[in-house]
Amino acid sequence: MAKKKENPADMSVESKLKTLFQLQTLLTEIDDIKTLRGELPLEVEDLEDEIEGLRTRIEKATADANNLRREINGFKNTFEIDKSKVDNYKKQLDTVRSNRDYDVLNREIEYVSSDMELCTKRIKEYQELLAEKENAIAMNQKNLEERSKDLDIKKNELDDIIAETKADEEKLREKAKDLELNIEERLLTSFKRIRKNTHNGLGIVYVHRDSCGGCFAKIPPQRQLDVRMRKKIIVCEYCGRILIDPELAGVKPNAPVEEKKTKRRRSAPRKAAETKAAETQTEPQEEE
């Protein structure tokens, strides 16, 4: 007959703490595997963000360059139209019959010529801006190619490391999932929250040399006694980590160091004075 699985909520505090510490041990091993990857995941992420930023800048600069080209073409078309008008007005000057018509044509020529000068100025300005945009696009494109090569190298390095440790990590994760099923949900949630808020990922630690194994703060004797009793969940007052005694964690507590009693040696002057006094007391007194 199959043994009925025990409800995690009905487990003793000692069993809960023991299971939780086993889970912590597995998670620490997983963290160690992640540490082997070093800064590579962050470097890959940074390169991906940089590449995305370069692509965005290239797209924006390309759109700006296209707008500048359209503006330049528009000014060129306007210049050609105005040029045709000026040529036409100049031809009409030879056929006018009154001074009034002659003045009107001259004013039109001046107006259109001013517009042509403005078009020429705008074309020059926009061509300079276009050259800057094209240089920026070329520079960003070069940087994009270099960063893409760096990203490929970093990704290959990371993939190699992950491939080496993938099997071990998956086994540890499976064991961790099985242990989590045997831990009360409320306790497990608290444990994960504590782990997330600590720099080293330790959510449960044992008392070591009368101190918390996580933050190394001194634990009062009465609180240590409560931890050894294993009757309730005890947390560190300073860092919030769950505390257990070394024996439950499978660690032998350090044996107390016996202090050797040393006999005090009398100083030489004091010893000489005491010897002289003793001799004086033992000398026979002369008869009168």
C-alpha atoms as a PDB file:
ATOM      1  CA  MET A   1       0.000   0.000   0.000  1.00  0.00           C
ATOM      2  CA  ALA A   2       1.437   3.380  -1.025  1.00  0.00           C
ATOM      3  CA  LYS A   3       2.394   5.731   1.777  1.00  0.00           C
ATOM      4  CA  LYS A   4       0.202   8.817   1.930  1.00  0.00           C
ATOM      5  CA  LYS A   5       2.125  11.992   1.277  1.00  0.00           C
ATOM      6  CA  GLU A   6       2.368  14.239   4.320  1.00  0.00           C
ATOM      7  CA  ASN A   7       0.788  17.672   4.106  1.00  0.00           C
ATOM      8  CA  PRO A   8       3.591  20.301   4.285  1.00  0.00           C
ATOM      9  CA  ALA A   9       1.495  22.370   6.706  1.00  0.00           C
ATOM     10  CA  ASP A  10       1.292  19.409   9.130  1.00  0.00           C
ATOM     11  CA  MET A  11       5.044  18.824   9.224  1.00  0.00           C
ATOM     12  CA  SER A  12       7.001  19.583  12.372  1.00  0.00           C
ATOM     13  CA  VAL A  13       9.009  22.796  12.540  1.00  0.00           C
ATOM     14  CA  GLU A  14      12.213  20.751  12.573  1.00  0.00           C
ATOM     15  CA  SER A  15      11.233  18.952   9.350  1.00  0.00           C
ATOM     16  CA  LYS A  16      10.252  22.236   7.709  1.00  0.00           C
ATOM     17  CA  LEU A  17      13.572  23.827   8.600  1.00  0.00           C
ATOM     18  CA  LYS A  18      15.558  20.803   7.472  1.00  0.00           C
ATOM     19  CA  THR A  19      13.769  20.686   4.109  1.00  0.00           C
ATOM     20  CA  LEU A  20      14.175  24.431   3.693  1.00  0.00           C
ATOM     21  CA  PHE A  21      17.915  24.208   4.354  1.00  0.00           C
ATOM     22  CA  GLN A  22      18.208  21.401   1.786  1.00  0.00           C
ATOM     23  CA  LEU A  23      16.453  23.657  -0.726  1.00  0.00           C
ATOM     24  CA  GLN A  24      18.852  26.478   0.143  1.00  0.00           C
ATOM     25  CA  THR A  25      21.811  24.161  -0.490  1.00  0.00           C
ATOM     26  CA  LEU A  26      20.500  23.263  -3.958  1.00  0.00           C
ATOM     27  CA  LEU A  27      19.774  26.885  -4.843  1.00  0.00           C
ATOM     28  CA  THR A  28      23.270  27.886  -3.716  1.00  0.00           C
ATOM     29  CA  GLU A  29      24.749  25.280  -6.057  1.00  0.00           C
ATOM     30  CA  ILE A  30      22.630  26.718  -8.892  1.00  0.00           C
ATOM     31  CA  ASP A  31      23.879  30.213  -8.006  1.00  0.00           C
ATOM     32  CA  ASP A  32      27.464  28.916  -8.113  1.00  0.00           C
ATOM     33  CA  ILE A  33      26.849  27.576 -11.626  1.00  0.00           C
ATOM     34  CA  LYS A  34      25.525  30.991 -12.661  1.00  0.00           C
ATOM     35  CA  THR A  35      28.621  32.580 -11.137  1.00  0.00           C
ATOM     36  CA  LEU A  36      30.768  30.480 -13.487  1.00  0.00           C
ATOM     37  CA  ARG A  37      29.236  32.428 -16.352  1.00  0.00           C
ATOM     38  CA  GLY A  38      30.655  35.571 -14.793  1.00  0.00           C
ATOM     39  CA  GLU A  39      29.668  38.853 -16.389  1.00  0.00           C
ATOM     40  CA  LEU A  40      28.929  37.281 -19.773  1.00  0.00           C
ATOM     41  CA  PRO A  41      25.097  37.417 -19.468  1.00  0.00           C
ATOM     42  CA  LEU A  42      25.278  41.094 -18.514  1.00  0.00           C
ATOM     43  CA  GLU A  43      27.769  41.823 -21.296  1.00  0.00           C
ATOM     44  CA  VAL A  44      25.498  40.105 -23.825  1.00  0.00           C
ATOM     45  CA  GLU A  45      22.513  42.080 -22.547  1.00  0.00           C
ATOM     46  CA  ASP A  46      24.449  45.361 -22.717  1.00  0.00           C
ATOM     47  CA  LEU A  47      25.606  44.633 -26.276  1.00  0.00           C
ATOM     48  CA  GLU A  48      22.058  43.791 -27.335  1.00  0.00           C
ATOM     49  CA  ASP A  49      20.808  47.077 -25.864  1.00  0.00           C
ATOM     50  CA  GLU A  50      23.636  48.997 -27.568  1.00  0.00           C
ATOM     51  CA  ILE A  51      22.925  47.346 -30.910  1.00  0.00           C
ATOM     52  CA  GLU A  52      19.229  48.149 -30.574  1.00  0.00           C
ATOM     53  CA  GLY A  53      20.124  51.773 -29.834  1.00  0.00           C
ATOM     54  CA  LEU A  54      22.432  51.957 -32.863  1.00  0.00           C
ATOM     55  CA  ARG A  55      19.712  50.557 -35.103  1.00  0.00           C
ATOM     56  CA  THR A  56      17.237  53.099 -33.785  1.00  0.00           C
ATOM     57  CA  ARG A  57      19.702  55.946 -34.410  1.00  0.00           C
ATOM     58  CA  ILE A  58      20.418  54.662 -37.925  1.00  0.00           C
ATOM     59  CA  GLU A  59      16.695  54.464 -38.703  1.00  0.00           C
ATOM     60  CA  LYS A  60      16.090  57.983 -37.410  1.00  0.00           C
ATOM     61  CA  ALA A  61      19.114  59.428 -39.242  1.00  0.00           C
ATOM     62  CA  THR A  62      18.045  57.655 -42.463  1.00  0.00           C
ATOM     63  CA  ALA A  63      14.537  59.104 -42.169  1.00  0.00           C
ATOM     64  CA  ASP A  64      15.989  62.585 -41.555  1.00  0.00           C
ATOM     65  CA  ALA A  65      18.331  62.181 -44.544  1.00  0.00           C
ATOM     66  CA  ASN A  66      15.435  61.170 -46.784  1.00  0.00           C
ATOM     67  CA  ASN A  67      13.454  64.246 -45.665  1.00  0.00           C
ATOM     68  CA  LEU A  68      16.463  66.470 -46.406  1.00  0.00           C
ATOM     69  CA  ARG A  69      16.805  64.978 -49.875  1.00  0.00           C
ATOM     70  CA  ARG A  70      13.128  65.675 -50.577  1.00  0.00           C
ATOM     71  CA  GLU A  71      13.540  69.261 -49.363  1.00  0.00           C
ATOM     72  CA  ILE A  72      16.639  69.726 -51.533  1.00  0.00           C
ATOM     73  CA  ASN A  73      14.836  68.353 -54.594  1.00  0.00           C
ATOM     74  CA  GLY A  74      11.888  70.660 -53.849  1.00  0.00           C
ATOM     75  CA  PHE A  75      14.170  73.729 -53.697  1.00  0.00           C
ATOM     76  CA  LYS A  76      15.916  72.637 -56.897  1.00  0.00           C
ATOM     77  CA  ASN A  77      12.591  72.338 -58.697  1.00  0.00           C
ATOM     78  CA  THR A  78      11.524  75.757 -57.417  1.00  0.00           C
ATOM     79  CA  PHE A  79      14.872  77.195 -58.556  1.00  0.00           C
ATOM     80  CA  GLU A  80      14.402  75.794 -62.063  1.00  0.00           C
ATOM     81  CA  ILE A  81      10.845  77.146 -62.270  1.00  0.00           C
ATOM     82  CA  ASP A  82      12.000  80.588 -61.094  1.00  0.00           C
ATOM     83  CA  LYS A  83      14.857  80.512 -63.579  1.00  0.00           C
ATOM     84  CA  SER A  84      12.408  79.836 -66.397  1.00  0.00           C
ATOM     85  CA  LYS A  85      10.288  82.767 -65.193  1.00  0.00           C
ATOM     86  CA  VAL A  86      13.278  85.112 -65.158  1.00  0.00           C
ATOM     87  CA  ASP A  87      14.292  84.071 -68.670  1.00  0.00           C
ATOM     88  CA  ASN A  88      10.739  84.629 -69.848  1.00  0.00           C
ATOM     89  CA  TYR A  89      10.532  88.069 -68.180  1.00  0.00           C
ATOM     90  CA  LYS A  90      13.826  89.112 -69.738  1.00  0.00           C
ATOM     91  CA  LYS A  91      12.515  88.175 -73.184  1.00  0.00           C
ATOM     92  CA  GLN A  92       9.372  90.239 -72.540  1.00  0.00           C
ATOM     93  CA  LEU A  93      11.516  93.284 -71.740  1.00  0.00           C
ATOM     94  CA  ASP A  94      12.475  93.510 -75.417  1.00  0.00           C
ATOM     95  CA  THR A  95       8.846  93.702 -76.497  1.00  0.00           C
ATOM     96  CA  VAL A  96       7.326  96.090 -73.941  1.00  0.00           C
ATOM     97  CA  ARG A  97       5.897  99.341 -75.247  1.00  0.00           C
ATOM     98  CA  SER A  98       5.546 101.394 -72.061  1.00  0.00           C
ATOM     99  CA  ASN A  99       7.704 102.316 -69.121  1.00  0.00           C
ATOM    100  CA  ARG A 100       5.052 101.031 -66.737  1.00  0.00           C
ATOM    101  CA  ASP A 101       5.175  97.499 -68.204  1.00  0.00           C
ATOM    102  CA  TYR A 102       8.966  97.677 -68.176  1.00  0.00           C
ATOM    103  CA  ASP A 103       9.019  98.528 -64.434  1.00  0.00           C
ATOM    104  CA  VAL A 104       6.536  95.794 -63.642  1.00  0.00           C
ATOM    105  CA  LEU A 105       8.683  93.208 -65.401  1.00  0.00           C
ATOM    106  CA  ASN A 106      11.834  94.389 -63.616  1.00  0.00           C
ATOM    107  CA  ARG A 107      10.119  94.122 -60.224  1.00  0.00           C
ATOM    108  CA  GLU A 108       9.027  90.556 -61.074  1.00  0.00           C
ATOM    109  CA  ILE A 109      12.577  89.676 -62.118  1.00  0.00           C
ATOM    110  CA  GLU A 110      13.949  91.047 -58.828  1.00  0.00           C
ATOM    111  CA  TYR A 111      11.341  89.204 -56.762  1.00  0.00           C
ATOM    112  CA  VAL A 112      11.903  85.866 -58.530  1.00  0.00           C
ATOM    113  CA  SER A 113      15.707  86.335 -58.388  1.00  0.00           C
ATOM    114  CA  SER A 114      15.486  86.840 -54.619  1.00  0.00           C
ATOM    115  CA  ASP A 115      13.497  83.626 -54.372  1.00  0.00           C
ATOM    116  CA  MET A 116      16.176  81.873 -56.426  1.00  0.00           C
ATOM    117  CA  GLU A 117      18.890  83.137 -54.048  1.00  0.00           C
ATOM    118  CA  LEU A 118      16.893  81.865 -51.075  1.00  0.00           C
ATOM    119  CA  CYS A 119      16.514  78.445 -52.769  1.00  0.00           C
ATOM    120  CA  THR A 120      20.263  78.319 -53.386  1.00  0.00           C
ATOM    121  CA  LYS A 121      20.969  79.180 -49.750  1.00  0.00           C
ATOM    122  CA  ARG A 122      18.539  76.537 -48.473  1.00  0.00           C
ATOM    123  CA  ILE A 123      19.971  73.910 -50.839  1.00  0.00           C
ATOM    124  CA  LYS A 124      23.479  74.588 -49.506  1.00  0.00           C
ATOM    125  CA  GLU A 125      22.353  74.433 -45.858  1.00  0.00           C
ATOM    126  CA  TYR A 126      20.377  71.242 -46.371  1.00  0.00           C
ATOM    127  CA  GLN A 127      23.223  69.615 -48.290  1.00  0.00           C
ATOM    128  CA  GLU A 128      25.540  70.282 -45.312  1.00  0.00           C
ATOM    129  CA  LEU A 129      22.978  68.769 -42.931  1.00  0.00           C
ATOM    130  CA  LEU A 130      22.575  65.816 -45.285  1.00  0.00           C
ATOM    131  CA  ALA A 131      26.338  65.251 -45.289  1.00  0.00           C
ATOM    132  CA  GLU A 132      26.326  65.228 -41.462  1.00  0.00           C
ATOM    133  CA  LYS A 133      23.464  62.732 -41.393  1.00  0.00           C
ATOM    134  CA  GLU A 134      25.206  60.486 -43.932  1.00  0.00           C
ATOM    135  CA  ASN A 135      28.424  60.590 -41.881  1.00  0.00           C
ATOM    136  CA  ALA A 136      26.470  59.727 -38.727  1.00  0.00           C
ATOM    137  CA  ILE A 137      24.758  56.842 -40.535  1.00  0.00           C
ATOM    138  CA  ALA A 138      28.094  55.516 -41.799  1.00  0.00           C
ATOM    139  CA  MET A 139      29.677  55.782 -38.333  1.00  0.00           C
ATOM    140  CA  ASN A 140      26.726  54.114 -36.605  1.00  0.00           C
ATOM    141  CA  GLN A 141      26.657  51.424 -39.279  1.00  0.00           C
ATOM    142  CA  LYS A 142      30.346  50.714 -38.666  1.00  0.00           C
ATOM    143  CA  ASN A 143      29.777  50.581 -34.897  1.00  0.00           C
ATOM    144  CA  LEU A 144      26.792  48.301 -35.452  1.00  0.00           C
ATOM    145  CA  GLU A 145      28.891  45.839 -37.445  1.00  0.00           C
ATOM    146  CA  GLU A 146      31.628  45.826 -34.776  1.00  0.00           C
ATOM    147  CA  ARG A 147      29.155  45.393 -31.910  1.00  0.00           C
ATOM    148  CA  SER A 148      27.349  42.628 -33.807  1.00  0.00           C
ATOM    149  CA  LYS A 149      30.650  40.748 -34.151  1.00  0.00           C
ATOM    150  CA  ASP A 150      31.358  41.242 -30.423  1.00  0.00           C
ATOM    151  CA  LEU A 151      27.851  40.018 -29.592  1.00  0.00           C
ATOM    152  CA  ASP A 152      28.341  36.856 -31.668  1.00  0.00           C
ATOM    153  CA  ILE A 153      31.614  36.128 -29.850  1.00  0.00           C
ATOM    154  CA  LYS A 154      30.103  36.716 -26.399  1.00  0.00           C
ATOM    155  CA  LYS A 155      27.028  34.648 -27.223  1.00  0.00           C
ATOM    156  CA  ASN A 156      29.190  31.747 -28.400  1.00  0.00           C
ATOM    157  CA  GLU A 157      31.224  31.899 -25.176  1.00  0.00           C
ATOM    158  CA  LEU A 158      28.050  32.010 -23.089  1.00  0.00           C
ATOM    159  CA  ASP A 159      26.468  29.149 -25.059  1.00  0.00           C
ATOM    160  CA  ASP A 160      29.576  27.015 -24.496  1.00  0.00           C
ATOM    161  CA  ILE A 161      29.496  27.618 -20.736  1.00  0.00           C
ATOM    162  CA  ILE A 162      25.741  26.982 -20.568  1.00  0.00           C
ATOM    163  CA  ALA A 163      26.165  23.764 -22.554  1.00  0.00           C
ATOM    164  CA  GLU A 164      28.806  22.540 -20.080  1.00  0.00           C
ATOM    165  CA  THR A 165      26.671  23.220 -17.016  1.00  0.00           C
ATOM    166  CA  LYS A 166      23.182  22.778 -18.451  1.00  0.00           C
ATOM    167  CA  ALA A 167      22.784  19.135 -17.420  1.00  0.00           C
ATOM    168  CA  ASP A 168      23.901  19.762 -13.834  1.00  0.00           C
ATOM    169  CA  GLU A 169      21.733  22.854 -13.539  1.00  0.00           C
ATOM    170  CA  GLU A 170      18.639  21.043 -14.825  1.00  0.00           C
ATOM    171  CA  LYS A 171      19.135  18.199 -12.327  1.00  0.00           C
ATOM    172  CA  LEU A 172      19.498  20.661  -9.476  1.00  0.00           C
ATOM    173  CA  ARG A 173      16.408  22.574 -10.588  1.00  0.00           C
ATOM    174  CA  GLU A 174      14.363  19.353 -10.713  1.00  0.00           C
ATOM    175  CA  LYS A 175      15.466  18.446  -7.179  1.00  0.00           C
ATOM    176  CA  ALA A 176      14.658  21.967  -6.014  1.00  0.00           C
ATOM    177  CA  LYS A 177      11.148  21.756  -7.503  1.00  0.00           C
ATOM    178  CA  ASP A 178      10.544  18.440  -5.734  1.00  0.00           C
ATOM    179  CA  LEU A 179      11.637  19.944  -2.414  1.00  0.00           C
ATOM    180  CA  GLU A 180       9.422  22.990  -2.906  1.00  0.00           C
ATOM    181  CA  LEU A 181       6.408  20.662  -3.061  1.00  0.00           C
ATOM    182  CA  ASN A 182       7.256  19.540   0.486  1.00  0.00           C
ATOM    183  CA  ILE A 183       7.427  23.059   1.903  1.00  0.00           C
ATOM    184  CA  GLU A 184       4.452  25.029   3.156  1.00  0.00           C
ATOM    185  CA  GLU A 185       3.489  27.661   0.586  1.00  0.00           C
ATOM    186  CA  ARG A 186       3.533  30.551   3.061  1.00  0.00           C
ATOM    187  CA  LEU A 187       6.978  29.586   4.358  1.00  0.00           C
ATOM    188  CA  LEU A 188       8.307  29.072   0.838  1.00  0.00           C
ATOM    189  CA  THR A 189       7.065  32.500  -0.250  1.00  0.00           C
ATOM    190  CA  SER A 190       8.741  34.144   2.746  1.00  0.00           C
ATOM    191  CA  PHE A 191      11.960  32.247   2.058  1.00  0.00           C
ATOM    192  CA  LYS A 192      12.028  33.369  -1.582  1.00  0.00           C
ATOM    193  CA  ARG A 193      11.372  36.967  -0.567  1.00  0.00           C
ATOM    194  CA  ILE A 194      14.252  36.854   1.939  1.00  0.00           C
ATOM    195  CA  ARG A 195      16.550  35.337  -0.701  1.00  0.00           C
ATOM    196  CA  LYS A 196      15.656  38.069  -3.162  1.00  0.00           C
ATOM    197  CA  ASN A 197      16.498  40.807  -0.660  1.00  0.00           C
ATOM    198  CA  THR A 198      19.931  39.403   0.261  1.00  0.00           C
ATOM    199  CA  HIS A 199      23.113  40.019  -1.718  1.00  0.00           C
ATOM    200  CA  ASN A 200      24.345  36.415  -1.449  1.00  0.00           C
ATOM    201  CA  GLY A 201      21.012  34.635  -1.956  1.00  0.00           C
ATOM    202  CA  LEU A 202      20.977  33.042   1.515  1.00  0.00           C
ATOM    203  CA  GLY A 203      17.493  32.878   3.002  1.00  0.00           C
ATOM    204  CA  ILE A 204      18.261  30.400   5.788  1.00  0.00           C
ATOM    205  CA  VAL A 205      21.547  30.163   7.706  1.00  0.00           C
ATOM    206  CA  TYR A 206      22.853  28.403  10.810  1.00  0.00           C
ATOM    207  CA  VAL A 207      24.196  30.084  13.920  1.00  0.00           C
ATOM    208  CA  HIS A 208      27.987  30.151  13.796  1.00  0.00           C
ATOM    209  CA  ARG A 209      30.086  31.254  16.778  1.00  0.00           C
ATOM    210  CA  ASP A 210      27.062  32.823  18.455  1.00  0.00           C
ATOM    211  CA  SER A 211      26.419  34.940  15.343  1.00  0.00           C
ATOM    212  CA  CYS A 212      24.069  34.942  12.357  1.00  0.00           C
ATOM    213  CA  GLY A 213      25.621  33.049   9.452  1.00  0.00           C
ATOM    214  CA  GLY A 214      24.322  35.674   7.026  1.00  0.00           C
ATOM    215  CA  CYS A 215      25.000  39.111   8.512  1.00  0.00           C
ATOM    216  CA  PHE A 216      27.342  37.948  11.341  1.00  0.00           C
ATOM    217  CA  ALA A 217      25.401  39.888  13.978  1.00  0.00           C
ATOM    218  CA  LYS A 218      25.559  38.525  17.525  1.00  0.00           C
ATOM    219  CA  ILE A 219      22.608  36.335  18.546  1.00  0.00           C
ATOM    220  CA  PRO A 220      21.474  36.622  22.200  1.00  0.00           C
ATOM    221  CA  PRO A 221      21.798  33.392  24.255  1.00  0.00           C
ATOM    222  CA  GLN A 222      18.046  33.086  24.809  1.00  0.00           C
ATOM    223  CA  ARG A 223      17.409  33.378  21.075  1.00  0.00           C
ATOM    224  CA  GLN A 224      20.079  30.737  20.411  1.00  0.00           C
ATOM    225  CA  LEU A 225      18.279  28.458  22.854  1.00  0.00           C
ATOM    226  CA  ASP A 226      15.023  28.992  20.946  1.00  0.00           C
ATOM    227  CA  VAL A 227      16.808  28.096  17.717  1.00  0.00           C
ATOM    228  CA  ARG A 228      18.185  24.863  19.217  1.00  0.00           C
ATOM    229  CA  MET A 229      14.740  23.926  20.533  1.00  0.00           C
ATOM    230  CA  ARG A 230      13.353  23.867  16.940  1.00  0.00           C
ATOM    231  CA  LYS A 231       9.843  24.595  18.152  1.00  0.00           C
ATOM    232  CA  LYS A 232       9.215  27.683  16.023  1.00  0.00           C
ATOM    233  CA  ILE A 233      10.664  29.620  13.099  1.00  0.00           C
ATOM    234  CA  ILE A 234      13.295  32.081  14.384  1.00  0.00           C
ATOM    235  CA  VAL A 235      14.628  34.889  12.191  1.00  0.00           C
ATOM    236  CA  CYS A 236      17.619  37.183  12.644  1.00  0.00           C
ATOM    237  CA  GLU A 237      16.586  40.522  14.131  1.00  0.00           C
ATOM    238  CA  TYR A 238      19.067  42.358  11.907  1.00  0.00           C
ATOM    239  CA  CYS A 239      18.896  40.793   8.422  1.00  0.00           C
ATOM    240  CA  GLY A 240      15.631  38.803   8.601  1.00  0.00           C
ATOM    241  CA  ARG A 241      17.192  35.476   7.570  1.00  0.00           C
ATOM    242  CA  ILE A 242      15.762  32.271   9.010  1.00  0.00           C
ATOM    243  CA  LEU A 243      18.046  30.772  11.671  1.00  0.00           C
ATOM    244  CA  ILE A 244      18.759  27.103  12.424  1.00  0.00           C
ATOM    245  CA  ASP A 245      21.275  25.403  14.682  1.00  0.00           C
ATOM    246  CA  PRO A 246      24.478  23.930  13.172  1.00  0.00           C
ATOM    247  CA  GLU A 247      23.494  20.343  14.038  1.00  0.00           C
ATOM    248  CA  LEU A 248      20.334  20.562  11.943  1.00  0.00           C
ATOM    249  CA  ALA A 249      22.430  21.920   9.087  1.00  0.00           C
ATOM    250  CA  GLY A 250      24.798  18.956   9.409  1.00  0.00           C
ATOM    251  CA  VAL A 251      27.649  21.091  10.739  1.00  0.00           C
ATOM    252  CA  LYS A 252      29.549  20.139  13.877  1.00  0.00           C
ATOM    253  CA  PRO A 253      29.674  23.053  16.305  1.00  0.00           C
ATOM    254  CA  ASN A 254      33.125  24.258  17.282  1.00  0.00           C
ATOM    255  CA  ALA A 255      34.353  22.820  20.590  1.00  0.00           C
ATOM    256  CA  PRO A 256      34.905  25.459  23.247  1.00  0.00           C
ATOM    257  CA  VAL A 257      38.552  26.365  23.769  1.00  0.00           C
ATOM    258  CA  GLU A 258      39.778  25.550  27.292  1.00  0.00           C
ATOM    259  CA  GLU A 259      41.767  28.301  28.890  1.00  0.00           C
ATOM    260  CA  LYS A 260      44.941  27.131  30.620  1.00  0.00           C
ATOM    261  CA  LYS A 261      45.407  28.514  34.112  1.00  0.00           C
ATOM    262  CA  THR A 262      48.845  29.955  34.494  1.00  0.00           C
ATOM    263  CA  LYS A 263      50.434  30.325  37.901  1.00  0.00           C
ATOM    264  CA  ARG A 264      51.427  33.868  38.697  1.00  0.00           C
ATOM    265  CA  ARG A 265      55.113  34.276  39.220  1.00  0.00           C
ATOM    266  CA  ARG A 266      56.269  36.525  41.962  1.00  0.00           C
ATOM    267  CA  SER A 267      58.560  39.314  40.982  1.00  0.00           C
ATOM    268  CA  ALA A 268      62.252  38.995  41.924  1.00  0.00           C
ATOM    269  CA  PRO A 269      62.379  42.006  44.338  1.00  0.00           C
ATOM    270  CA  ARG A 270      59.290  40.824  46.187  1.00  0.00           C
ATOM    271  CA  LYS A 271      60.662  37.266  46.468  1.00  0.00           C
ATOM    272  CA  ALA A 272      63.999  38.544  47.857  1.00  0.00           C
ATOM    273  CA  ALA A 273      62.234  40.693  50.464  1.00  0.00           C
ATOM    274  CA  GLU A 274      60.153  37.749  51.630  1.00  0.00           C
ATOM    275  CA  THR A 275      63.265  35.551  51.951  1.00  0.00           C
ATOM    276  CA  LYS A 276      65.098  38.197  53.999  1.00  0.00           C
ATOM    277  CA  ALA A 277      62.142  38.581  56.392  1.00  0.00           C
ATOM    278  CA  ALA A 278      62.035  34.829  56.970  1.00  0.00           C
ATOM    279  CA  GLU A 279      65.761  34.718  57.808  1.00  0.00           C
ATOM    280  CA  THR A 280      65.344  37.576  60.321  1.00  0.00           C
ATOM    281  CA  GLN A 281      62.586  35.711  62.138  1.00  0.00           C
ATOM    282  CA  THR A 282      64.690  32.523  62.493  1.00  0.00           C
ATOM    283  CA  GLU A 283      67.855  34.235  63.918  1.00  0.00           C
ATOM    284  CA  PRO A 284      68.373  33.482  67.724  1.00  0.00           C
ATOM    285  CA  GLN A 285      68.122  36.466  70.077  1.00  0.00           C
ATOM    286  CA  GLU A 286      71.244  37.370  72.142  1.00  0.00           C
ATOM    287  CA  GLU A 287      71.018  37.039  75.971  1.00  0.00           C
ATOM    288  CA  GLU A 288      71.436  40.253  77.895  1.00  0.00           C
END
